Amino acid sequence: QLFFGANQCGMGCVFTDIAPVYSTVLNTVVNTMGALAGIM
């Protein structure tokens, strides 16, 4: 769980850091990939 928490803590805010204007689009694309991984 320590490794999983370390992975998750930065992913939520990195899109806002990199591209605040398009952070919602980037977050949507990455969440879609995560959903596909959840199916697989």
ModelCIF file with pLDDT and N, C-alpha, C, O atoms, coordinates in Angstrom:
data_MODEL
#
_entry.id   MODEL 
#
_entity.id                         1 
_entity.type                       polymer 
_entity.pdbx_number_of_molecules   1 
#
_entity_poly.entity_id                      1 
_entity_poly.type                           'polypeptide(L)' 
_entity_poly.nstd_linkage                   no 
_entity_poly.nstd_monomer                   no 
_entity_poly.pdbx_seq_one_letter_code       QLFFGANQCGMGCVFTDIAPVYSTVLNTVVNTMGALAGIM 
_entity_poly.pdbx_seq_one_letter_code_can   QLFFGANQCGMGCVFTDIAPVYSTVLNTVVNTMGALAGIM 
_entity_poly.pdbx_strand_id                 A 
#
loop_
_entity_poly_seq.entity_id 
_entity_poly_seq.num 
_entity_poly_seq.mon_id 
_entity_poly_seq.hetero 
1 1  GLN n 
1 2  LEU n 
1 3  PHE n 
1 4  PHE n 
1 5  GLY n 
1 6  ALA n 
1 7  ASN n 
1 8  GLN n 
1 9  CYS n 
1 10 GLY n 
1 11 MET n 
1 12 GLY n 
1 13 CYS n 
1 14 VAL n 
1 15 PHE n 
1 16 THR n 
1 17 ASP n 
1 18 ILE n 
1 19 ALA n 
1 20 PRO n 
1 21 VAL n 
1 22 TYR n 
1 23 SER n 
1 24 THR n 
1 25 VAL n 
1 26 LEU n 
1 27 ASN n 
1 28 THR n 
1 29 VAL n 
1 30 VAL n 
1 31 ASN n 
1 32 THR n 
1 33 MET n 
1 34 GLY n 
1 35 ALA n 
1 36 LEU n 
1 37 ALA n 
1 38 GLY n 
1 39 ILE n 
1 40 MET n 
#
_struct_asym.id          A 
_struct_asym.entity_id   1 
#
loop_
_ma_qa_metric.id 
_ma_qa_metric.mode 
_ma_qa_metric.name 
_ma_qa_metric.software_group_id 
_ma_qa_metric.type 
1 global pLDDT . pLDDT 
2 local  pLDDT . pLDDT 
#
_ma_qa_metric_global.metric_id      1 
_ma_qa_metric_global.metric_value   77.50 
_ma_qa_metric_global.model_id       1 
_ma_qa_metric_global.ordinal_id     1 
#
loop_
_ma_qa_metric_local.label_asym_id 
_ma_qa_metric_local.label_comp_id 
_ma_qa_metric_local.label_seq_id 
_ma_qa_metric_local.metric_id 
_ma_qa_metric_local.metric_value 
_ma_qa_metric_local.model_id 
_ma_qa_metric_local.ordinal_id 
A GLN 1  2 60.00 1 1  
A LEU 2  2 63.00 1 2  
A PHE 3  2 59.00 1 3  
A PHE 4  2 62.00 1 4  
A GLY 5  2 67.00 1 5  
A ALA 6  2 61.00 1 6  
A ASN 7  2 60.00 1 7  
A GLN 8  2 65.00 1 8  
A CYS 9  2 66.00 1 9  
A GLY 10 2 65.00 1 10 
A MET 11 2 67.00 1 11 
A GLY 12 2 68.00 1 12 
A CYS 13 2 74.00 1 13 
A VAL 14 2 76.00 1 14 
A PHE 15 2 76.00 1 15 
A THR 16 2 76.00 1 16 
A ASP 17 2 76.00 1 17 
A ILE 18 2 76.00 1 18 
A ALA 19 2 78.00 1 19 
A PRO 20 2 79.00 1 20 
A VAL 21 2 80.00 1 21 
A TYR 22 2 81.00 1 22 
A SER 23 2 81.00 1 23 
A THR 24 2 84.00 1 24 
A VAL 25 2 86.00 1 25 
A LEU 26 2 83.00 1 26 
A ASN 27 2 84.00 1 27 
A THR 28 2 88.00 1 28 
A VAL 29 2 89.00 1 29 
A VAL 30 2 83.00 1 30 
A ASN 31 2 85.00 1 31 
A THR 32 2 90.00 1 32 
A MET 33 2 87.00 1 33 
A GLY 34 2 83.00 1 34 
A ALA 35 2 90.00 1 35 
A LEU 36 2 91.00 1 36 
A ALA 37 2 86.00 1 37 
A GLY 38 2 88.00 1 38 
A ILE 39 2 94.00 1 39 
A MET 40 2 93.00 1 40 
#
loop_
_atom_site.group_PDB 
_atom_site.id 
_atom_site.type_symbol 
_atom_site.label_atom_id 
_atom_site.label_alt_id 
_atom_site.label_comp_id 
_atom_site.label_asym_id 
_atom_site.label_entity_id 
_atom_site.label_seq_id 
_atom_site.pdbx_PDB_ins_code 
_atom_site.Cartn_x 
_atom_site.Cartn_y 
_atom_site.Cartn_z 
_atom_site.occupancy 
_atom_site.B_iso_or_equiv 
_atom_site.pdbx_formal_charge 
_atom_site.auth_seq_id 
_atom_site.auth_comp_id 
_atom_site.auth_asym_id 
_atom_site.auth_atom_id 
_atom_site.pdbx_PDB_model_num 
ATOM 1   N N  . GLN A 1 1  ? 0.814   -1.207 0.000   1.00 60.00 ? 1  GLN A N  1 
ATOM 2   C CA . GLN A 1 1  ? 0.000   0.000  0.000   1.00 60.00 ? 1  GLN A CA 1 
ATOM 3   C C  . GLN A 1 1  ? 0.852   1.264  0.000   1.00 60.00 ? 1  GLN A C  1 
ATOM 4   O O  . GLN A 1 1  ? 0.438   2.294  -0.531  1.00 60.00 ? 1  GLN A O  1 
ATOM 5   N N  . LEU A 1 2  ? 2.023   1.190  0.585   1.00 63.00 ? 2  LEU A N  1 
ATOM 6   C CA . LEU A 1 2  ? 2.928   2.333  0.597   1.00 63.00 ? 2  LEU A CA 1 
ATOM 7   C C  . LEU A 1 2  ? 3.303   2.726  -0.824  1.00 63.00 ? 2  LEU A C  1 
ATOM 8   O O  . LEU A 1 2  ? 3.292   3.910  -1.164  1.00 63.00 ? 2  LEU A O  1 
ATOM 9   N N  . PHE A 1 3  ? 3.634   1.749  -1.653  1.00 59.00 ? 3  PHE A N  1 
ATOM 10  C CA . PHE A 1 3  ? 4.001   2.034  -3.037  1.00 59.00 ? 3  PHE A CA 1 
ATOM 11  C C  . PHE A 1 3  ? 2.805   2.567  -3.821  1.00 59.00 ? 3  PHE A C  1 
ATOM 12  O O  . PHE A 1 3  ? 2.940   3.493  -4.621  1.00 59.00 ? 3  PHE A O  1 
ATOM 13  N N  . PHE A 1 4  ? 1.642   1.979  -3.587  1.00 62.00 ? 4  PHE A N  1 
ATOM 14  C CA . PHE A 1 4  ? 0.451   2.424  -4.304  1.00 62.00 ? 4  PHE A CA 1 
ATOM 15  C C  . PHE A 1 4  ? 0.091   3.852  -3.917  1.00 62.00 ? 4  PHE A C  1 
ATOM 16  O O  . PHE A 1 4  ? -0.268  4.654  -4.779  1.00 62.00 ? 4  PHE A O  1 
ATOM 17  N N  . GLY A 1 5  ? 0.183   4.176  -2.645  1.00 67.00 ? 5  GLY A N  1 
ATOM 18  C CA . GLY A 1 5  ? -0.091  5.540  -2.199  1.00 67.00 ? 5  GLY A CA 1 
ATOM 19  C C  . GLY A 1 5  ? 0.897   6.538  -2.760  1.00 67.00 ? 5  GLY A C  1 
ATOM 20  O O  . GLY A 1 5  ? 0.528   7.660  -3.108  1.00 67.00 ? 5  GLY A O  1 
ATOM 21  N N  . ALA A 1 6  ? 2.156   6.131  -2.848  1.00 61.00 ? 6  ALA A N  1 
ATOM 22  C CA . ALA A 1 6  ? 3.172   7.012  -3.423  1.00 61.00 ? 6  ALA A CA 1 
ATOM 23  C C  . ALA A 1 6  ? 2.909   7.262  -4.902  1.00 61.00 ? 6  ALA A C  1 
ATOM 24  O O  . ALA A 1 6  ? 3.181   8.352  -5.404  1.00 61.00 ? 6  ALA A O  1 
ATOM 25  N N  . ASN A 1 7  ? 2.385   6.270  -5.597  1.00 60.00 ? 7  ASN A N  1 
ATOM 26  C CA . ASN A 1 7  ? 2.035   6.467  -7.011  1.00 60.00 ? 7  ASN A CA 1 
ATOM 27  C C  . ASN A 1 7  ? 0.868   7.425  -7.169  1.00 60.00 ? 7  ASN A C  1 
ATOM 28  O O  . ASN A 1 7  ? 0.890   8.298  -8.036  1.00 60.00 ? 7  ASN A O  1 
ATOM 29  N N  . GLN A 1 8  ? -0.140  7.268  -6.343  1.00 65.00 ? 8  GLN A N  1 
ATOM 30  C CA . GLN A 1 8  ? -1.371  8.027  -6.513  1.00 65.00 ? 8  GLN A CA 1 
ATOM 31  C C  . GLN A 1 8  ? -1.276  9.478  -6.071  1.00 65.00 ? 8  GLN A C  1 
ATOM 32  O O  . GLN A 1 8  ? -1.986  10.328 -6.608  1.00 65.00 ? 8  GLN A O  1 
ATOM 33  N N  . CYS A 1 9  ? -0.424  9.779  -5.114  1.00 66.00 ? 9  CYS A N  1 
ATOM 34  C CA . CYS A 1 9  ? -0.439  11.121 -4.527  1.00 66.00 ? 9  CYS A CA 1 
ATOM 35  C C  . CYS A 1 9  ? -0.036  12.207 -5.516  1.00 66.00 ? 9  CYS A C  1 
ATOM 36  O O  . CYS A 1 9  ? -0.527  13.331 -5.409  1.00 66.00 ? 9  CYS A O  1 
ATOM 37  N N  . GLY A 1 10 ? 0.825   11.919 -6.459  1.00 65.00 ? 10 GLY A N  1 
ATOM 38  C CA . GLY A 1 10 ? 1.258   12.948 -7.397  1.00 65.00 ? 10 GLY A CA 1 
ATOM 39  C C  . GLY A 1 10 ? 0.443   13.033 -8.658  1.00 65.00 ? 10 GLY A C  1 
ATOM 40  O O  . GLY A 1 10 ? 0.449   14.065 -9.330  1.00 65.00 ? 10 GLY A O  1 
ATOM 41  N N  . MET A 1 11 ? -0.265  11.966 -8.997  1.00 67.00 ? 11 MET A N  1 
ATOM 42  C CA . MET A 1 11 ? -0.974  11.956 -10.272 1.00 67.00 ? 11 MET A CA 1 
ATOM 43  C C  . MET A 1 11 ? -2.196  12.872 -10.278 1.00 67.00 ? 11 MET A C  1 
ATOM 44  O O  . MET A 1 11 ? -2.610  13.349 -11.335 1.00 67.00 ? 11 MET A O  1 
ATOM 45  N N  . GLY A 1 12 ? -2.762  13.113 -9.127  1.00 68.00 ? 12 GLY A N  1 
ATOM 46  C CA . GLY A 1 12 ? -3.945  13.953 -9.082  1.00 68.00 ? 12 GLY A CA 1 
ATOM 47  C C  . GLY A 1 12 ? -3.683  15.416 -9.398  1.00 68.00 ? 12 GLY A C  1 
ATOM 48  O O  . GLY A 1 12 ? -4.557  16.104 -9.926  1.00 68.00 ? 12 GLY A O  1 
ATOM 49  N N  . CYS A 1 13 ? -2.505  15.889 -9.083  1.00 74.00 ? 13 CYS A N  1 
ATOM 50  C CA . CYS A 1 13 ? -2.231  17.314 -9.271  1.00 74.00 ? 13 CYS A CA 1 
ATOM 51  C C  . CYS A 1 13 ? -1.257  17.623 -10.393 1.00 74.00 ? 13 CYS A C  1 
ATOM 52  O O  . CYS A 1 13 ? -1.088  18.792 -10.738 1.00 74.00 ? 13 CYS A O  1 
ATOM 53  N N  . VAL A 1 14 ? -0.614  16.630 -10.971 1.00 76.00 ? 14 VAL A N  1 
ATOM 54  C CA . VAL A 1 14 ? 0.410   16.916 -11.972 1.00 76.00 ? 14 VAL A CA 1 
ATOM 55  C C  . VAL A 1 14 ? -0.179  17.531 -13.240 1.00 76.00 ? 14 VAL A C  1 
ATOM 56  O O  . VAL A 1 14 ? 0.489   18.327 -13.899 1.00 76.00 ? 14 VAL A O  1 
ATOM 57  N N  . PHE A 1 15 ? -1.402  17.182 -13.591 1.00 76.00 ? 15 PHE A N  1 
ATOM 58  C CA . PHE A 1 15 ? -2.006  17.757 -14.795 1.00 76.00 ? 15 PHE A CA 1 
ATOM 59  C C  . PHE A 1 15 ? -2.254  19.250 -14.619 1.00 76.00 ? 15 PHE A C  1 
ATOM 60  O O  . PHE A 1 15 ? -2.090  20.027 -15.560 1.00 76.00 ? 15 PHE A O  1 
ATOM 61  N N  . THR A 1 16 ? -2.644  19.645 -13.424 1.00 76.00 ? 16 THR A N  1 
ATOM 62  C CA . THR A 1 16 ? -2.844  21.062 -13.156 1.00 76.00 ? 16 THR A CA 1 
ATOM 63  C C  . THR A 1 16 ? -1.518  21.804 -13.151 1.00 76.00 ? 16 THR A C  1 
ATOM 64  O O  . THR A 1 16 ? -1.463  22.970 -13.543 1.00 76.00 ? 16 THR A O  1 
ATOM 65  N N  . ASP A 1 17 ? -0.451  21.148 -12.713 1.00 76.00 ? 17 ASP A N  1 
ATOM 66  C CA . ASP A 1 17 ? 0.870   21.768 -12.731 1.00 76.00 ? 17 ASP A CA 1 
ATOM 67  C C  . ASP A 1 17 ? 1.389   21.950 -14.148 1.00 76.00 ? 17 ASP A C  1 
ATOM 68  O O  . ASP A 1 17 ? 1.953   22.995 -14.472 1.00 76.00 ? 17 ASP A O  1 
ATOM 69  N N  . ILE A 1 18 ? 1.206   20.952 -14.987 1.00 76.00 ? 18 ILE A N  1 
ATOM 70  C CA . ILE A 1 18 ? 1.767   20.978 -16.335 1.00 76.00 ? 18 ILE A CA 1 
ATOM 71  C C  . ILE A 1 18 ? 0.947   21.867 -17.262 1.00 76.00 ? 18 ILE A C  1 
ATOM 72  O O  . ILE A 1 18 ? 1.498   22.726 -17.951 1.00 76.00 ? 18 ILE A O  1 
ATOM 73  N N  . ALA A 1 19 ? -0.354  21.666 -17.281 1.00 78.00 ? 19 ALA A N  1 
ATOM 74  C CA . ALA A 1 19 ? -1.215  22.380 -18.229 1.00 78.00 ? 19 ALA A CA 1 
ATOM 75  C C  . ALA A 1 19 ? -2.553  22.695 -17.576 1.00 78.00 ? 19 ALA A C  1 
ATOM 76  O O  . ALA A 1 19 ? -3.514  21.944 -17.742 1.00 78.00 ? 19 ALA A O  1 
ATOM 77  N N  . PRO A 1 20 ? -2.627  23.794 -16.837 1.00 79.00 ? 20 PRO A N  1 
ATOM 78  C CA . PRO A 1 20 ? -3.875  24.119 -16.142 1.00 79.00 ? 20 PRO A CA 1 
ATOM 79  C C  . PRO A 1 20 ? -5.075  24.265 -17.072 1.00 79.00 ? 20 PRO A C  1 
ATOM 80  O O  . PRO A 1 20 ? -6.197  23.929 -16.693 1.00 79.00 ? 20 PRO A O  1 
ATOM 81  N N  . VAL A 1 21 ? -4.849  24.759 -18.269 1.00 80.00 ? 21 VAL A N  1 
ATOM 82  C CA . VAL A 1 21 ? -5.959  24.981 -19.200 1.00 80.00 ? 21 VAL A CA 1 
ATOM 83  C C  . VAL A 1 21 ? -6.561  23.658 -19.664 1.00 80.00 ? 21 VAL A C  1 
ATOM 84  O O  . VAL A 1 21 ? -7.778  23.546 -19.811 1.00 80.00 ? 21 VAL A O  1 
ATOM 85  N N  . TYR A 1 22 ? -5.713  22.656 -19.895 1.00 81.00 ? 22 TYR A N  1 
ATOM 86  C CA . TYR A 1 22 ? -6.170  21.386 -20.436 1.00 81.00 ? 22 TYR A CA 1 
ATOM 87  C C  . TYR A 1 22 ? -6.123  20.254 -19.418 1.00 81.00 ? 22 TYR A C  1 
ATOM 88  O O  . TYR A 1 22 ? -6.140  19.085 -19.802 1.00 81.00 ? 22 TYR A O  1 
ATOM 89  N N  . SER A 1 23 ? -6.065  20.574 -18.143 1.00 81.00 ? 23 SER A N  1 
ATOM 90  C CA . SER A 1 23 ? -5.927  19.532 -17.130 1.00 81.00 ? 23 SER A CA 1 
ATOM 91  C C  . SER A 1 23 ? -7.140  18.601 -17.105 1.00 81.00 ? 23 SER A C  1 
ATOM 92  O O  . SER A 1 23 ? -6.988  17.411 -16.828 1.00 81.00 ? 23 SER A O  1 
ATOM 93  N N  . THR A 1 24 ? -8.321  19.108 -17.384 1.00 84.00 ? 24 THR A N  1 
ATOM 94  C CA . THR A 1 24 ? -9.498  18.242 -17.380 1.00 84.00 ? 24 THR A CA 1 
ATOM 95  C C  . THR A 1 24 ? -9.445  17.221 -18.507 1.00 84.00 ? 24 THR A C  1 
ATOM 96  O O  . THR A 1 24 ? -9.832  16.068 -18.317 1.00 84.00 ? 24 THR A O  1 
ATOM 97  N N  . VAL A 1 25 ? -8.975  17.626 -19.664 1.00 86.00 ? 25 VAL A N  1 
ATOM 98  C CA . VAL A 1 25 ? -8.865  16.699 -20.795 1.00 86.00 ? 25 VAL A CA 1 
ATOM 99  C C  . VAL A 1 25 ? -7.804  15.640 -20.500 1.00 86.00 ? 25 VAL A C  1 
ATOM 100 O O  . VAL A 1 25 ? -8.032  14.451 -20.723 1.00 86.00 ? 25 VAL A O  1 
ATOM 101 N N  . LEU A 1 26 ? -6.646  16.070 -19.999 1.00 83.00 ? 26 LEU A N  1 
ATOM 102 C CA . LEU A 1 26 ? -5.586  15.119 -19.672 1.00 83.00 ? 26 LEU A CA 1 
ATOM 103 C C  . LEU A 1 26 ? -6.036  14.138 -18.597 1.00 83.00 ? 26 LEU A C  1 
ATOM 104 O O  . LEU A 1 26 ? -5.750  12.944 -18.688 1.00 83.00 ? 26 LEU A O  1 
ATOM 105 N N  . ASN A 1 27 ? -6.728  14.625 -17.597 1.00 84.00 ? 27 ASN A N  1 
ATOM 106 C CA . ASN A 1 27 ? -7.219  13.767 -16.533 1.00 84.00 ? 27 ASN A CA 1 
ATOM 107 C C  . ASN A 1 27 ? -8.234  12.762 -17.067 1.00 84.00 ? 27 ASN A C  1 
ATOM 108 O O  . ASN A 1 27 ? -8.242  11.607 -16.640 1.00 84.00 ? 27 ASN A O  1 
ATOM 109 N N  . THR A 1 28 ? -9.080  13.182 -17.987 1.00 88.00 ? 28 THR A N  1 
ATOM 110 C CA . THR A 1 28 ? -10.061 12.281 -18.579 1.00 88.00 ? 28 THR A CA 1 
ATOM 111 C C  . THR A 1 28 ? -9.395  11.164 -19.361 1.00 88.00 ? 28 THR A C  1 
ATOM 112 O O  . THR A 1 28 ? -9.792  10.004 -19.248 1.00 88.00 ? 28 THR A O  1 
ATOM 113 N N  . VAL A 1 29 ? -8.393  11.501 -20.148 1.00 89.00 ? 29 VAL A N  1 
ATOM 114 C CA . VAL A 1 29 ? -7.686  10.485 -20.941 1.00 89.00 ? 29 VAL A CA 1 
ATOM 115 C C  . VAL A 1 29 ? -7.003  9.469  -20.029 1.00 89.00 ? 29 VAL A C  1 
ATOM 116 O O  . VAL A 1 29 ? -7.091  8.264  -20.263 1.00 89.00 ? 29 VAL A O  1 
ATOM 117 N N  . VAL A 1 30 ? -6.330  9.950  -18.998 1.00 83.00 ? 30 VAL A N  1 
ATOM 118 C CA . VAL A 1 30 ? -5.619  9.045  -18.092 1.00 83.00 ? 30 VAL A CA 1 
ATOM 119 C C  . VAL A 1 30 ? -6.600  8.205  -17.284 1.00 83.00 ? 30 VAL A C  1 
ATOM 120 O O  . VAL A 1 30 ? -6.332  7.029  -17.037 1.00 83.00 ? 30 VAL A O  1 
ATOM 121 N N  . ASN A 1 31 ? -7.722  8.769  -16.869 1.00 85.00 ? 31 ASN A N  1 
ATOM 122 C CA . ASN A 1 31 ? -8.725  7.986  -16.153 1.00 85.00 ? 31 ASN A CA 1 
ATOM 123 C C  . ASN A 1 31 ? -9.346  6.920  -17.050 1.00 85.00 ? 31 ASN A C  1 
ATOM 124 O O  . ASN A 1 31 ? -9.707  5.844  -16.573 1.00 85.00 ? 31 ASN A O  1 
ATOM 125 N N  . THR A 1 32 ? -9.472  7.208  -18.343 1.00 90.00 ? 32 THR A N  1 
ATOM 126 C CA . THR A 1 32 ? -9.967  6.201  -19.279 1.00 90.00 ? 32 THR A CA 1 
ATOM 127 C C  . THR A 1 32 ? -8.995  5.031  -19.367 1.00 90.00 ? 32 THR A C  1 
ATOM 128 O O  . THR A 1 32 ? -9.411  3.873  -19.388 1.00 90.00 ? 32 THR A O  1 
ATOM 129 N N  . MET A 1 33 ? -7.700  5.335  -19.419 1.00 87.00 ? 33 MET A N  1 
ATOM 130 C CA . MET A 1 33 ? -6.700  4.258  -19.431 1.00 87.00 ? 33 MET A CA 1 
ATOM 131 C C  . MET A 1 33 ? -6.767  3.449  -18.139 1.00 87.00 ? 33 MET A C  1 
ATOM 132 O O  . MET A 1 33 ? -6.616  2.228  -18.155 1.00 87.00 ? 33 MET A O  1 
ATOM 133 N N  . GLY A 1 34 ? -6.990  4.130  -17.036 1.00 83.00 ? 34 GLY A N  1 
ATOM 134 C CA . GLY A 1 34 ? -7.121  3.430  -15.764 1.00 83.00 ? 34 GLY A CA 1 
ATOM 135 C C  . GLY A 1 34 ? -8.346  2.540  -15.724 1.00 83.00 ? 34 GLY A C  1 
ATOM 136 O O  . GLY A 1 34 ? -8.304  1.452  -15.151 1.00 83.00 ? 34 GLY A O  1 
ATOM 137 N N  . ALA A 1 35 ? -9.439  2.991  -16.327 1.00 90.00 ? 35 ALA A N  1 
ATOM 138 C CA . ALA A 1 35 ? -10.650 2.171  -16.388 1.00 90.00 ? 35 ALA A CA 1 
ATOM 139 C C  . ALA A 1 35 ? -10.417 0.931  -17.249 1.00 90.00 ? 35 ALA A C  1 
ATOM 140 O O  . ALA A 1 35 ? -10.899 -0.155 -16.925 1.00 90.00 ? 35 ALA A O  1 
ATOM 141 N N  . LEU A 1 36 ? -9.681  1.094  -18.340 1.00 91.00 ? 36 LEU A N  1 
ATOM 142 C CA . LEU A 1 36 ? -9.360  -0.064 -19.180 1.00 91.00 ? 36 LEU A CA 1 
ATOM 143 C C  . LEU A 1 36 ? -8.501  -1.066 -18.417 1.00 91.00 ? 36 LEU A C  1 
ATOM 144 O O  . LEU A 1 36 ? -8.682  -2.276 -18.551 1.00 91.00 ? 36 LEU A O  1 
ATOM 145 N N  . ALA A 1 37 ? -7.569  -0.562 -17.619 1.00 86.00 ? 37 ALA A N  1 
ATOM 146 C CA . ALA A 1 37 ? -6.757  -1.452 -16.780 1.00 86.00 ? 37 ALA A CA 1 
ATOM 147 C C  . ALA A 1 37 ? -7.636  -2.151 -15.747 1.00 86.00 ? 37 ALA A C  1 
ATOM 148 O O  . ALA A 1 37 ? -7.398  -3.312 -15.412 1.00 86.00 ? 37 ALA A O  1 
ATOM 149 N N  . GLY A 1 38 ? -8.650  -1.450 -15.242 1.00 88.00 ? 38 GLY A N  1 
ATOM 150 C CA . GLY A 1 38 ? -9.584  -2.058 -14.296 1.00 88.00 ? 38 GLY A CA 1 
ATOM 151 C C  . GLY A 1 38 ? -10.429 -3.147 -14.926 1.00 88.00 ? 38 GLY A C  1 
ATOM 152 O O  . GLY A 1 38 ? -10.871 -4.067 -14.237 1.00 88.00 ? 38 GLY A O  1 
ATOM 153 N N  . ILE A 1 39 ? -10.658 -3.054 -16.216 1.00 94.00 ? 39 ILE A N  1 
ATOM 154 C CA . ILE A 1 39 ? -11.386 -4.107 -16.927 1.00 94.00 ? 39 ILE A CA 1 
ATOM 155 C C  . ILE A 1 39 ? -10.470 -5.307 -17.177 1.00 94.00 ? 39 ILE A C  1 
ATOM 156 O O  . ILE A 1 39 ? -10.894 -6.456 -17.050 1.00 94.00 ? 39 ILE A O  1 
ATOM 157 N N  . MET A 1 40 ? -9.223  -5.035 -17.529 1.00 93.00 ? 40 MET A N  1 
ATOM 158 C CA . MET A 1 40 ? -8.283  -6.104 -17.847 1.00 93.00 ? 40 MET A CA 1 
ATOM 159 C C  . MET A 1 40 ? -7.792  -6.844 -16.598 1.00 93.00 ? 40 MET A C  1 
ATOM 160 O O  . MET A 1 40 ? -6.993  -7.774 -16.706 1.00 93.00 ? 40 MET A O  1 
#
